[in-house]
C-alpha atoms as a PDB file:
ATOM      1  CA  MET A   1     115.558  88.390 122.280  1.00  0.00           C
ATOM      2  CA  LYS A   2     114.621  89.928 119.001  1.00  0.00           C
ATOM      3  CA  ASN A   3     111.048  89.452 117.701  1.00  0.00           C
ATOM      4  CA  ILE A   4     110.840  88.132 114.169  1.00  0.00           C
ATOM      5  CA  LEU A   5     108.040  88.989 111.760  1.00  0.00           C
ATOM      6  CA  GLU A   6     107.716  86.462 108.915  1.00  0.00           C
ATOM      7  CA  LEU A   7     105.551  87.375 105.911  1.00  0.00           C
ATOM      8  CA  ALA A   8     103.752  84.754 103.836  1.00  0.00           C
ATOM      9  CA  VAL A   9     103.721  85.788 100.222  1.00  0.00           C
ATOM     10  CA  PHE A  10     102.055  84.197  97.228  1.00  0.00           C
ATOM     11  CA  ASN A  11     103.640  85.873  94.205  1.00  0.00           C
ATOM     12  CA  ILE A  12     106.842  87.564  93.232  1.00  0.00           C
ATOM     13  CA  GLN A  13     105.560  91.165  93.592  1.00  0.00           C
ATOM     14  CA  SER A  14     104.296  90.431  97.114  1.00  0.00           C
ATOM     15  CA  ALA A  15     107.656  88.930  97.996  1.00  0.00           C
ATOM     16  CA  LEU A  16     109.500  92.045  96.823  1.00  0.00           C
ATOM     17  CA  ALA A  17     107.067  94.338  98.608  1.00  0.00           C
ATOM     18  CA  ALA A  18     107.273  92.385 101.835  1.00  0.00           C
ATOM     19  CA  ALA A  19     111.084  92.477 101.821  1.00  0.00           C
ATOM     20  CA  ALA A  20     111.130  96.216 101.041  1.00  0.00           C
ATOM     21  CA  GLY A  21     108.527  96.789 103.747  1.00  0.00           C
ATOM     22  CA  GLY A  22     110.653  95.402 106.526  1.00  0.00           C
ATOM     23  CA  ALA A  23     109.795  91.712 106.859  1.00  0.00           C
ATOM     24  CA  ASP A  24     112.438  89.828 108.815  1.00  0.00           C
ATOM     25  CA  ARG A  25     111.795  86.673 106.860  1.00  0.00           C
ATOM     26  CA  ILE A  26     109.769  85.583 103.832  1.00  0.00           C
ATOM     27  CA  GLU A  27     107.720  82.425 103.514  1.00  0.00           C
ATOM     28  CA  LEU A  28     107.444  81.984  99.731  1.00  0.00           C
ATOM     29  CA  CYS A  29     104.379  80.213  98.463  1.00  0.00           C
ATOM     30  CA  GLU A  30     101.824  80.173  95.704  1.00  0.00           C
ATOM     31  CA  ASN A  31      97.990  79.815  95.683  1.00  0.00           C
ATOM     32  CA  TYR A  32      96.694  81.758  98.646  1.00  0.00           C
ATOM     33  CA  ALA A  33      93.180  80.471  98.084  1.00  0.00           C
ATOM     34  CA  ASN A  34      94.427  76.890  98.612  1.00  0.00           C
ATOM     35  CA  GLY A  35      96.430  77.657 101.730  1.00  0.00           C
ATOM     36  CA  GLY A  36      99.813  77.774  99.985  1.00  0.00           C
ATOM     37  CA  THR A  37     101.538  75.400  97.612  1.00  0.00           C
ATOM     38  CA  THR A  38     105.082  74.984  96.291  1.00  0.00           C
ATOM     39  CA  PRO A  39     106.201  78.002  94.189  1.00  0.00           C
ATOM     40  CA  SER A  40     107.448  77.516  90.672  1.00  0.00           C
ATOM     41  CA  TYR A  41     111.129  77.384  89.772  1.00  0.00           C
ATOM     42  CA  GLY A  42     110.849  80.736  88.120  1.00  0.00           C
ATOM     43  CA  ILE A  43     109.503  82.383  91.280  1.00  0.00           C
ATOM     44  CA  LEU A  44     112.192  80.617  93.322  1.00  0.00           C
ATOM     45  CA  LYS A  45     114.971  81.780  91.087  1.00  0.00           C
ATOM     46  CA  THR A  46     113.729  85.353  90.796  1.00  0.00           C
ATOM     47  CA  ALA A  47     113.064  85.746  94.518  1.00  0.00           C
ATOM     48  CA  ARG A  48     116.508  84.435  95.502  1.00  0.00           C
ATOM     49  CA  ASN A  49     118.223  86.769  93.019  1.00  0.00           C
ATOM     50  CA  LYS A  50     116.332  89.888  94.146  1.00  0.00           C
ATOM     51  CA  ILE A  51     115.694  89.428  97.883  1.00  0.00           C
ATOM     52  CA  SER A  52     118.406  89.508 100.587  1.00  0.00           C
ATOM     53  CA  VAL A  53     116.316  88.783 103.675  1.00  0.00           C
ATOM     54  CA  PRO A  54     115.964  85.119 104.673  1.00  0.00           C
ATOM     55  CA  ILE A  55     113.517  83.119 102.560  1.00  0.00           C
ATOM     56  CA  PHE A  56     111.827  79.926 103.621  1.00  0.00           C
ATOM     57  CA  VAL A  57     110.118  78.029 100.820  1.00  0.00           C
ATOM     58  CA  MET A  58     106.758  76.367 101.259  1.00  0.00           C
ATOM     59  CA  LEU A  59     106.918  72.739  99.983  1.00  0.00           C
ATOM     60  CA  CYS A  60     103.353  71.483  99.548  1.00  0.00           C
ATOM     61  CA  PRO A  61     102.778  69.604  96.293  1.00  0.00           C
ATOM     62  CA  ARG A  62      98.998  70.140  96.238  1.00  0.00           C
ATOM     63  CA  ALA A  63      96.086  71.583  98.137  1.00  0.00           C
ATOM     64  CA  GLY A  64      94.092  69.422 100.516  1.00  0.00           C
ATOM     65  CA  ASP A  65      95.255  67.221 103.338  1.00  0.00           C
ATOM     66  CA  PHE A  66      98.836  66.445 104.392  1.00  0.00           C
ATOM     67  CA  LEU A  67      98.702  62.708 103.762  1.00  0.00           C
ATOM     68  CA  TYR A  68     101.049  62.237 100.823  1.00  0.00           C
ATOM     69  CA  SER A  69     101.545  59.423  98.327  1.00  0.00           C
ATOM     70  CA  ASN A  70     104.954  57.944  97.606  1.00  0.00           C
ATOM     71  CA  GLU A  71     105.065  59.933  94.400  1.00  0.00           C
ATOM     72  CA  GLU A  72     104.223  63.189  96.218  1.00  0.00           C
ATOM     73  CA  PHE A  73     106.881  62.458  98.742  1.00  0.00           C
ATOM     74  CA  GLU A  74     109.393  62.102  95.921  1.00  0.00           C
ATOM     75  CA  VAL A  75     108.262  65.468  94.567  1.00  0.00           C
ATOM     76  CA  ILE A  76     108.943  67.130  97.926  1.00  0.00           C
ATOM     77  CA  LYS A  77     112.408  65.589  98.134  1.00  0.00           C
ATOM     78  CA  LYS A  78     113.279  66.829  94.619  1.00  0.00           C
ATOM     79  CA  ASP A  79     112.017  70.318  95.522  1.00  0.00           C
ATOM     80  CA  ILE A  80     114.224  70.321  98.638  1.00  0.00           C
ATOM     81  CA  LEU A  81     117.241  69.625  96.426  1.00  0.00           C
ATOM     82  CA  ILE A  82     116.245  72.502  94.140  1.00  0.00           C
ATOM     83  CA  CYS A  83     115.923  74.875  97.166  1.00  0.00           C
ATOM     84  CA  LYS A  84     119.305  73.723  98.439  1.00  0.00           C
ATOM     85  CA  LYS A  85     120.962  74.379  95.069  1.00  0.00           C
ATOM     86  CA  LEU A  86     119.447  77.868  94.981  1.00  0.00           C
ATOM     87  CA  ASN A  87     120.767  78.623  98.485  1.00  0.00           C
ATOM     88  CA  PHE A  88     117.487  79.198 100.292  1.00  0.00           C
ATOM     89  CA  ASP A  89     117.564  79.620 104.059  1.00  0.00           C
ATOM     90  CA  GLY A  90     114.842  77.119 104.988  1.00  0.00           C
ATOM     91  CA  ILE A  91     111.853  75.137 103.933  1.00  0.00           C
ATOM     92  CA  VAL A  92     108.356  74.859 105.340  1.00  0.00           C
ATOM     93  CA  CYS A  93     106.682  71.472 105.154  1.00  0.00           C
ATOM     94  CA  GLY A  94     104.646  68.945 107.149  1.00  0.00           C
ATOM     95  CA  ILE A  95     103.379  65.400 106.718  1.00  0.00           C
ATOM     96  CA  LEU A  96     100.722  63.566 108.778  1.00  0.00           C
ATOM     97  CA  LYS A  97      99.720  59.927 109.042  1.00  0.00           C
ATOM     98  CA  VAL A  98      96.167  58.812 108.489  1.00  0.00           C
ATOM     99  CA  ASP A  99      95.497  58.759 112.254  1.00  0.00           C
ATOM    100  CA  GLY A 100      96.471  62.420 112.691  1.00  0.00           C
ATOM    101  CA  SER A 101      99.929  61.751 114.069  1.00  0.00           C
ATOM    102  CA  ILE A 102     103.211  63.101 112.687  1.00  0.00           C
ATOM    103  CA  ASP A 103     104.802  60.968 109.983  1.00  0.00           C
ATOM    104  CA  VAL A 104     108.076  60.824 111.916  1.00  0.00           C
ATOM    105  CA  PRO A 105     110.156  58.660 109.457  1.00  0.00           C
ATOM    106  CA  ARG A 106     109.309  60.847 106.432  1.00  0.00           C
ATOM    107  CA  VAL A 107     109.691  64.162 108.275  1.00  0.00           C
ATOM    108  CA  SER A 108     113.002  63.009 109.732  1.00  0.00           C
ATOM    109  CA  GLU A 109     114.197  62.099 106.229  1.00  0.00           C
ATOM    110  CA  LEU A 110     113.221  65.527 104.872  1.00  0.00           C
ATOM    111  CA  VAL A 111     114.962  67.347 107.743  1.00  0.00           C
ATOM    112  CA  GLN A 112     118.189  65.428 107.061  1.00  0.00           C
ATOM    113  CA  LEU A 113     117.901  66.040 103.326  1.00  0.00           C
ATOM    114  CA  ALA A 114     117.285  69.779 103.812  1.00  0.00           C
ATOM    115  CA  TYR A 115     120.241  70.356 106.145  1.00  0.00           C
ATOM    116  CA  PRO A 116     121.802  72.935 106.542  1.00  0.00           C
ATOM    117  CA  MET A 117     118.587  74.691 105.573  1.00  0.00           C
ATOM    118  CA  GLU A 118     116.255  75.202 108.453  1.00  0.00           C
ATOM    119  CA  PHE A 119     112.989  73.277 108.711  1.00  0.00           C
ATOM    120  CA  THR A 120     109.632  74.655 109.795  1.00  0.00           C
ATOM    121  CA  PHE A 121     106.785  72.194 110.349  1.00  0.00           C
ATOM    122  CA  HIS A 122     103.866  74.126 109.026  1.00  0.00           C
ATOM    123  CA  ARG A 123     100.173  74.283 110.007  1.00  0.00           C
ATOM    124  CA  ALA A 124      99.633  70.649 109.239  1.00  0.00           C
ATOM    125  CA  PHE A 125     100.442  70.720 112.982  1.00  0.00           C
ATOM    126  CA  ASP A 126      97.008  72.324 113.562  1.00  0.00           C
ATOM    127  CA  ARG A 127      95.330  69.298 111.950  1.00  0.00           C
ATOM    128  CA  CYS A 128      97.143  66.742 114.159  1.00  0.00           C
ATOM    129  CA  LYS A 129      95.351  64.728 116.837  1.00  0.00           C
ATOM    130  CA  ASP A 130      97.487  65.421 119.919  1.00  0.00           C
ATOM    131  CA  PRO A 131      99.460  68.713 119.749  1.00  0.00           C
ATOM    132  CA  LEU A 132     101.744  68.025 122.737  1.00  0.00           C
ATOM    133  CA  LYS A 133     102.728  64.587 121.526  1.00  0.00           C
ATOM    134  CA  ALA A 134     103.113  65.925 118.008  1.00  0.00           C
ATOM    135  CA  MET A 135     105.437  68.660 119.255  1.00  0.00           C
ATOM    136  CA  GLU A 136     107.667  66.054 120.888  1.00  0.00           C
ATOM    137  CA  ASP A 137     107.729  64.021 117.677  1.00  0.00           C
ATOM    138  CA  ILE A 138     108.584  67.104 115.615  1.00  0.00           C
ATOM    139  CA  ILE A 139     111.388  67.963 118.013  1.00  0.00           C
ATOM    140  CA  ASP A 140     112.711  64.383 117.685  1.00  0.00           C
ATOM    141  CA  CYS A 141     112.681  64.796 113.907  1.00  0.00           C
ATOM    142  CA  GLY A 142     115.098  67.683 114.226  1.00  0.00           C
ATOM    143  CA  CYS A 143     112.815  70.491 113.056  1.00  0.00           C
ATOM    144  CA  ASN A 144     113.723  74.064 114.016  1.00  0.00           C
ATOM    145  CA  ARG A 145     110.153  75.553 114.203  1.00  0.00           C
ATOM    146  CA  ILE A 146     106.506  74.802 114.381  1.00  0.00           C
ATOM    147  CA  LEU A 147     104.045  77.211 112.790  1.00  0.00           C
ATOM    148  CA  THR A 148     100.740  77.121 114.602  1.00  0.00           C
ATOM    149  CA  SER A 149      97.501  79.007 115.263  1.00  0.00           C
ATOM    150  CA  GLY A 150      96.861  76.808 118.293  1.00  0.00           C
ATOM    151  CA  GLN A 151      94.711  74.246 116.433  1.00  0.00           C
ATOM    152  CA  VAL A 152      91.965  76.735 115.705  1.00  0.00           C
ATOM    153  CA  PRO A 153      91.603  78.996 112.612  1.00  0.00           C
ATOM    154  CA  ASN A 154      93.430  82.001 114.036  1.00  0.00           C
ATOM    155  CA  ALA A 155      96.205  82.613 116.607  1.00  0.00           C
ATOM    156  CA  LEU A 156      94.155  84.909 118.747  1.00  0.00           C
ATOM    157  CA  GLY A 157      91.640  82.260 119.406  1.00  0.00           C
ATOM    158  CA  GLY A 158      94.380  79.660 119.945  1.00  0.00           C
ATOM    159  CA  LYS A 159      96.601  81.832 122.147  1.00  0.00           C
ATOM    160  CA  ARG A 160      96.220  79.516 125.215  1.00  0.00           C
ATOM    161  CA  THR A 161      97.407  76.511 123.276  1.00  0.00           C
ATOM    162  CA  ILE A 162     100.256  78.525 121.713  1.00  0.00           C
ATOM    163  CA  LYS A 163     101.373  79.644 125.232  1.00  0.00           C
ATOM    164  CA  GLN A 164     101.199  76.051 126.529  1.00  0.00           C
ATOM    165  CA  LEU A 165     103.314  74.779 123.563  1.00  0.00           C
ATOM    166  CA  ILE A 166     105.936  77.481 124.166  1.00  0.00           C
ATOM    167  CA  GLN A 167     106.145  76.622 127.808  1.00  0.00           C
ATOM    168  CA  LYS A 168     106.356  72.840 127.170  1.00  0.00           C
ATOM    169  CA  ALA A 169     108.907  73.381 124.420  1.00  0.00           C
ATOM    170  CA  ASN A 170     111.244  75.104 126.880  1.00  0.00           C
ATOM    171  CA  ASN A 171     113.438  76.479 124.095  1.00  0.00           C
ATOM    172  CA  ARG A 172     113.909  73.090 122.444  1.00  0.00           C
ATOM    173  CA  ILE A 173     112.047  74.329 119.323  1.00  0.00           C
ATOM    174  CA  THR A 174     110.689  77.726 118.290  1.00  0.00           C
ATOM    175  CA  ILE A 175     106.900  78.064 118.211  1.00  0.00           C
ATOM    176  CA  VAL A 176     105.891  80.551 115.569  1.00  0.00           C
ATOM    177  CA  ALA A 177     102.449  82.077 116.088  1.00  0.00           C
ATOM    178  CA  GLY A 178     100.554  82.459 112.897  1.00  0.00           C
ATOM    179  CA  GLY A 179      97.046  82.645 111.543  1.00  0.00           C
ATOM    180  CA  GLY A 180      95.088  85.872 111.249  1.00  0.00           C
ATOM    181  CA  ILE A 181      97.820  87.957 112.797  1.00  0.00           C
ATOM    182  CA  ARG A 182      97.509  91.664 112.098  1.00  0.00           C
ATOM    183  CA  SER A 183      98.457  94.929 113.785  1.00  0.00           C
ATOM    184  CA  ASN A 184      95.181  94.944 115.805  1.00  0.00           C
ATOM    185  CA  ASN A 185      96.070  91.702 117.634  1.00  0.00           C
ATOM    186  CA  ILE A 186      99.835  91.013 117.390  1.00  0.00           C
ATOM    187  CA  ALA A 187     100.648  92.857 120.634  1.00  0.00           C
ATOM    188  CA  GLU A 188      98.041  90.848 122.625  1.00  0.00           C
ATOM    189  CA  ILE A 189      99.279  87.596 121.150  1.00  0.00           C
ATOM    190  CA  LYS A 190     102.897  88.492 121.920  1.00  0.00           C
ATOM    191  CA  GLN A 191     102.114  89.502 125.524  1.00  0.00           C
ATOM    192  CA  PHE A 192      99.838  86.535 126.315  1.00  0.00           C
ATOM    193  CA  THR A 193     101.841  83.733 124.663  1.00  0.00           C
ATOM    194  CA  GLY A 194     105.468  84.847 125.084  1.00  0.00           C
ATOM    195  CA  ALA A 195     106.065  84.108 121.406  1.00  0.00           C
ATOM    196  CA  THR A 196     109.032  85.802 119.726  1.00  0.00           C
ATOM    197  CA  GLU A 197     108.258  84.790 116.132  1.00  0.00           C
ATOM    198  CA  PHE A 198     105.110  85.787 114.283  1.00  0.00           C
ATOM    199  CA  HIS A 199     103.737  84.844 110.896  1.00  0.00           C
ATOM    200  CA  SER A 200     101.341  87.037 108.870  1.00  0.00           C
ATOM    201  CA  SER A 201     100.258  87.518 105.297  1.00  0.00           C
ATOM    202  CA  ALA A 202      99.318  91.175 105.835  1.00  0.00           C
ATOM    203  CA  LYS A 203      97.065  90.516 102.891  1.00  0.00           C
ATOM    204  CA  LYS A 204      95.440  93.166 100.750  1.00  0.00           C
ATOM    205  CA  ILE A 205      93.580  92.844  97.466  1.00  0.00           C
ATOM    206  CA  VAL A 206      94.910  94.736  94.460  1.00  0.00           C
ATOM    207  CA  ALA A 207      92.556  95.385  91.512  1.00  0.00           C
ATOM    208  CA  SER A 208      93.511  94.216  88.055  1.00  0.00           C
ATOM    209  CA  LYS A 209      95.083  96.836  85.778  1.00  0.00           C
ATOM    210  CA  MET A 210      93.409  95.333  82.703  1.00  0.00           C
ATOM    211  CA  GLN A 211      91.648  98.017  80.652  1.00  0.00           C
ATOM    212  CA  PHE A 212      89.400  95.428  79.032  1.00  0.00           C
ATOM    213  CA  ILE A 213      87.659  92.681  81.062  1.00  0.00           C
ATOM    214  CA  ASN A 214      85.202  90.415  79.337  1.00  0.00           C
ATOM    215  CA  PRO A 215      82.053  90.669  81.477  1.00  0.00           C
ATOM    216  CA  LYS A 216      80.703  87.397  80.125  1.00  0.00           C
ATOM    217  CA  MET A 217      83.471  85.405  81.809  1.00  0.00           C
ATOM    218  CA  LYS A 218      82.606  86.660  85.328  1.00  0.00           C
ATOM    219  CA  ASP A 219      86.223  86.336  86.403  1.00  0.00           C
ATOM    220  CA  ASP A 220      87.758  87.665  89.583  1.00  0.00           C
ATOM    221  CA  LEU A 221      91.005  89.127  88.226  1.00  0.00           C
ATOM    222  CA  ASN A 222      92.063  90.836  91.460  1.00  0.00           C
ATOM    223  CA  GLN A 223      95.425  89.843  92.917  1.00  0.00           C
ATOM    224  CA  THR A 224      96.587  89.041  96.455  1.00  0.00           C
ATOM    225  CA  SER A 225      99.360  91.367  97.670  1.00  0.00           C
ATOM    226  CA  VAL A 226     100.842  92.587 100.955  1.00  0.00           C
ATOM    227  CA  ASP A 227     100.029  95.769 102.812  1.00  0.00           C
ATOM    228  CA  VAL A 228     103.358  97.452 103.467  1.00  0.00           C
ATOM    229  CA  GLU A 229     101.878  99.866 105.962  1.00  0.00           C
ATOM    230  CA  GLU A 230     100.460  96.901 107.934  1.00  0.00           C
ATOM    231  CA  ILE A 231     103.909  95.348 108.000  1.00  0.00           C
ATOM    232  CA  LYS A 232     105.336  98.552 109.377  1.00  0.00           C
ATOM    233  CA  LYS A 233     102.639  98.760 112.080  1.00  0.00           C
ATOM    234  CA  MET A 234     103.326  95.185 113.186  1.00  0.00           C
ATOM    235  CA  LYS A 235     107.068  95.774 113.229  1.00  0.00           C
ATOM    236  CA  LYS A 236     106.634  98.890 115.408  1.00  0.00           C
ATOM    237  CA  LEU A 237     104.384  97.017 117.819  1.00  0.00           C
ATOM    238  CA  LEU A 238     106.903  94.146 118.111  1.00  0.00           C
ATOM    239  CA  SER A 239     109.728  96.581 118.872  1.00  0.00           C
ATOM    240  CA  LYS A 240     107.964  97.742 122.047  1.00  0.00           C
ATOM    241  CA  LYS A 241     108.829  95.988 125.271  1.00  0.00           C
END
C-alpha cells in the first residue's frame, strides 16, 4: 500500500511550494498560530487553479474549541458548498459536544453535504473524551479519515494510541498520523504504528523582504512557509520498506 504524505499549508505560497516539493496531498488552511482556520475564497480559488495534487480544505470558522453555535454551523455548511463548487477533493472538519463526545448528528449532516468530497475528522479528535468510542462514532458518521496525534501534542508521543486506533479500525477508516511529524521521526512512527498516511507542516520561517520595518511597532513580520527539502526527506523515508 502506498504511503501518503499530506502537507498542512497556511498561505498560497506554501501551498504551491508543497505541491512542487512532492506532497501527495495538501491540507489548505490559514492562521498557523491558531491551529488552522478556514482559508479565504481567494486562496481557495487560486490554489484550485494552480495545484493539481489533491487538496483537502480545513473548515474551522474560528480559533478555540470545537463546540460550535448554530450560526457557526451554518457557516461551515456554506463553506462546504463553496468547496464543492470549486471541485476540491475533500474537507477537514470536526465538531464536539460539550461533554467531549462527537457531535454525531452534525458531523453526519456535514459528511452527507460534502459528498462526493472526502471527509477527514481533524484533531478535534485529540480533544475528545473517549478516543475508541469517538472513532466508532466517526465511522458511523461516514467519515473517511481521522487525523490524530494520539491525544497528546505530537504523534511520536502518541504512537501507542495511534497504533491501537489503527488496529481497532481494521481498515474501516484511515487513521492519519499527524502532529510534529518530521524527517527525524516519521520512519519510527511508520514502523511502530503501521500507519500509511502522515500529516506534517514541514514548517520553516521565512524572513520578511520589507526593506523598511518600523522598529517602534515591534512587529513580527516573518512568514510561515514549508521546507521543501524536509518534504523530500520524508518522502524518501516513506518510500523505504
